[in-house]
């Protein structure tokens, strides 16, 4: 895919504990700010072919595992029932969750949204205009994931933004 947006942060837990949380596909709504629910929709709950539906104020989206690297990460294909891209401006999209051991007690979380825009030049113009917002959302997902992994609690957007601001002040 032509476009990518990534965000990364370090979580204070060992990589094996981070993997246990990441591989629980039914918990995305605990750390993705806009989601109200996430539900596994296939008999398979882990590995390639496992699928979940995520709900928010927008139409539901299906996320299907197309790559599963035990202990390291996974790749989700984002789609509707009809297989078209989501959000509507995208022709196709995937979301990669990656874990990297930083130390015995810390793990780097790196999330990458890869996508292609619909409508050629016009779509690319919209994509350029939306890139800053998409990067902000990507960072919120990644920092929300970190907070959820560290606390085990459902995370609110205000908590995520506070963490992002506090890290910005430290730089």
Protein backbone atom coordinates (compact mmCIF):
# COMPACT_ATOMS: atom_id res chain seq x y z
CA UNK A 1 0.00 0.00 0.00
CA UNK A 2 1.19 3.48 -0.80
CA UNK A 3 0.52 5.30 2.49
CA UNK A 4 1.56 4.50 6.06
CA UNK A 5 1.09 6.16 9.41
CA UNK A 6 2.93 4.77 12.45
CA UNK A 7 3.08 5.52 16.14
CA UNK A 8 5.22 3.96 18.84
CA UNK A 9 5.63 4.06 22.62
CA UNK A 10 7.22 1.95 25.34
CA UNK A 11 4.96 0.07 27.75
CA UNK A 12 6.08 -0.92 31.22
CA UNK A 13 5.50 -4.66 31.01
CA UNK A 14 7.41 -7.65 29.62
CA UNK A 15 6.80 -8.64 26.02
CA UNK A 16 5.13 -11.95 26.95
CA UNK A 17 2.51 -10.08 29.02
CA UNK A 18 2.02 -7.57 26.20
CA UNK A 19 1.43 -10.46 23.78
CA UNK A 20 -1.25 -11.99 26.02
CA UNK A 21 -3.14 -8.68 25.92
CA UNK A 22 -2.61 -8.10 22.19
CA UNK A 23 -3.73 -11.60 21.25
CA UNK A 24 -7.08 -11.09 23.04
CA UNK A 25 -8.85 -9.71 19.97
CA UNK A 26 -12.10 -9.00 21.83
CA UNK A 27 -10.58 -6.17 23.90
CA UNK A 28 -9.87 -3.49 21.25
CA UNK A 29 -12.59 -1.24 22.71
CA UNK A 30 -10.58 -1.10 25.96
CA UNK A 31 -7.88 1.02 24.30
CA UNK A 32 -9.16 2.41 20.98
CA UNK A 33 -10.86 5.71 21.95
CA UNK A 34 -13.69 5.76 19.39
CA UNK A 35 -14.77 2.14 19.85
CA UNK A 36 -17.79 1.21 21.95
CA UNK A 37 -17.50 -2.57 21.46
CA UNK A 38 -15.38 -5.26 19.84
CA UNK A 39 -16.60 -8.80 19.37
CA UNK A 40 -14.99 -11.89 17.86
CA UNK A 41 -17.19 -13.17 15.03
CA UNK A 42 -15.44 -16.40 14.03
CA UNK A 43 -15.02 -19.76 15.75
CA UNK A 44 -11.31 -19.12 15.59
CA UNK A 45 -10.39 -16.60 18.33
CA UNK A 46 -6.65 -16.31 17.55
CA UNK A 47 -4.42 -16.74 14.53
CA UNK A 48 -4.89 -16.20 10.82
CA UNK A 49 -8.57 -16.08 9.92
CA UNK A 50 -9.80 -14.88 13.32
CA UNK A 51 -12.11 -11.92 12.84
CA UNK A 52 -13.77 -9.29 14.98
CA UNK A 53 -16.34 -6.59 14.44
CA UNK A 54 -15.63 -3.22 16.01
CA UNK A 55 -18.37 -0.72 16.75
CA UNK A 56 -18.35 3.04 17.16
CA UNK A 57 -20.58 5.93 16.14
CA UNK A 58 -19.70 5.04 12.53
CA UNK A 59 -20.84 1.93 10.63
CA UNK A 60 -19.32 -1.28 12.06
CA UNK A 61 -16.00 -2.42 10.65
CA UNK A 62 -14.64 -5.94 10.35
CA UNK A 63 -11.01 -6.65 11.19
CA UNK A 64 -9.64 -10.00 10.04
CA UNK A 65 -6.23 -11.40 11.01
CA UNK A 66 -4.19 -12.00 7.86
CA UNK A 67 -0.79 -12.40 9.55
CA UNK A 68 -0.07 -13.79 13.03
CA UNK A 69 3.47 -13.73 14.43
CA UNK A 70 3.26 -15.45 17.81
CA UNK A 71 4.68 -13.24 20.56
CA UNK A 72 5.57 -10.43 18.12
CA UNK A 73 2.49 -9.01 16.44
CA UNK A 74 -0.31 -9.34 13.95
CA UNK A 75 -1.75 -7.75 10.83
CA UNK A 76 -5.46 -6.95 10.46
CA UNK A 77 -7.29 -6.37 7.18
CA UNK A 78 -9.92 -3.64 7.71
CA UNK A 79 -13.13 -4.13 5.73
CA UNK A 80 -16.94 -4.22 5.59
CA UNK A 81 -19.03 -7.31 4.83
CA UNK A 82 -18.71 -6.44 1.15
CA UNK A 83 -14.92 -6.36 1.41
CA UNK A 84 -14.57 -2.68 0.55
CA UNK A 85 -12.22 -0.33 2.37
CA UNK A 86 -12.98 1.64 5.48
CA UNK A 87 -13.23 4.56 6.12
CA UNK A 88 -15.05 5.44 2.89
CA UNK A 89 -12.12 7.39 1.37
CA UNK A 90 -9.86 4.33 1.52
CA UNK A 91 -9.76 1.66 -1.16
CA UNK A 92 -7.95 -0.75 1.17
CA UNK A 93 -6.38 -0.67 4.62
CA UNK A 94 -4.47 -2.84 7.08
CA UNK A 95 -3.42 -2.26 10.68
CA UNK A 96 -0.22 -3.82 12.03
CA UNK A 97 0.38 -4.25 15.76
CA UNK A 98 4.06 -4.95 16.53
CA UNK A 99 5.78 -5.77 19.83
CA UNK A 100 9.53 -5.44 20.39
CA UNK A 101 11.36 -6.32 23.59
CA UNK A 102 13.11 -3.22 24.95
CA UNK A 103 14.23 -4.77 28.27
CA UNK A 104 13.12 -7.56 30.60
CA UNK A 105 10.33 -5.30 31.88
CA UNK A 106 9.47 -3.04 28.93
CA UNK A 107 8.02 -3.52 25.44
CA UNK A 108 7.90 -1.18 22.46
CA UNK A 109 4.43 -1.00 20.92
CA UNK A 110 4.47 0.06 17.26
CA UNK A 111 1.25 0.36 15.29
CA UNK A 112 1.12 1.04 11.56
CA UNK A 113 -1.91 1.88 9.44
CA UNK A 114 -1.23 1.14 5.76
CA UNK A 115 -3.75 2.33 3.21
CA UNK A 116 -4.54 3.38 -0.32
CA UNK A 117 -6.90 6.23 -1.12
CA UNK A 118 -9.86 6.05 -3.51
CA UNK A 119 -10.41 8.58 -6.31
CA UNK A 120 -6.85 9.06 -7.57
CA UNK A 121 -5.48 12.60 -7.30
CA UNK A 122 -8.59 13.89 -5.49
CA UNK A 123 -8.37 11.08 -2.94
CA UNK A 124 -4.66 11.75 -2.44
CA UNK A 125 -5.43 15.43 -1.82
CA UNK A 126 -8.00 14.46 0.83
CA UNK A 127 -5.45 12.04 2.27
CA UNK A 128 -2.84 14.79 2.55
CA UNK A 129 -5.33 17.05 4.31
CA UNK A 130 -6.38 14.27 6.70
CA UNK A 131 -2.88 12.97 7.45
CA UNK A 132 -2.32 15.11 10.57
CA UNK A 133 -5.65 13.98 12.05
CA UNK A 134 -4.93 10.35 11.15
CA UNK A 135 -1.51 10.55 12.82
CA UNK A 136 -3.11 12.00 15.97
CA UNK A 137 -5.63 9.14 16.02
CA UNK A 138 -2.87 6.57 15.46
CA UNK A 139 -0.94 7.99 18.40
CA UNK A 140 -4.07 7.89 20.58
CA UNK A 141 -4.62 4.21 19.74
CA UNK A 142 -1.00 3.35 20.54
CA UNK A 143 -0.92 5.27 23.82
CA UNK A 144 -4.34 3.89 24.75
CA UNK A 145 -2.98 0.42 24.12
CA UNK A 146 -0.04 1.20 26.41
CA UNK A 147 -2.30 2.42 29.23
CA UNK A 148 -4.57 -0.61 28.92
CA UNK A 149 -1.61 -3.01 28.89
CA UNK A 150 -0.10 -1.37 31.98
CA UNK A 151 -3.34 -1.12 34.02
CA UNK A 152 -5.68 -3.77 32.62
CA UNK A 153 -8.46 -1.15 32.76
CA UNK A 154 -10.60 0.33 30.00
CA UNK A 155 -8.99 3.63 28.97
CA UNK A 156 -10.71 6.96 28.30
CA UNK A 157 -9.60 9.50 25.71
CA UNK A 158 -8.75 12.08 28.39
CA UNK A 159 -6.29 9.65 30.01
CA UNK A 160 -4.64 9.01 26.65
CA UNK A 161 -4.29 12.69 25.82
CA UNK A 162 -2.87 13.41 29.29
CA UNK A 163 -0.19 10.74 28.76
CA UNK A 164 0.69 12.11 25.32
CA UNK A 165 0.96 15.66 26.73
CA UNK A 166 3.11 14.54 29.67
CA UNK A 167 5.54 12.73 27.36
CA UNK A 168 5.70 15.76 25.08
CA UNK A 169 6.71 17.91 28.08
CA UNK A 170 9.52 15.48 28.93
CA UNK A 171 11.13 15.84 25.49
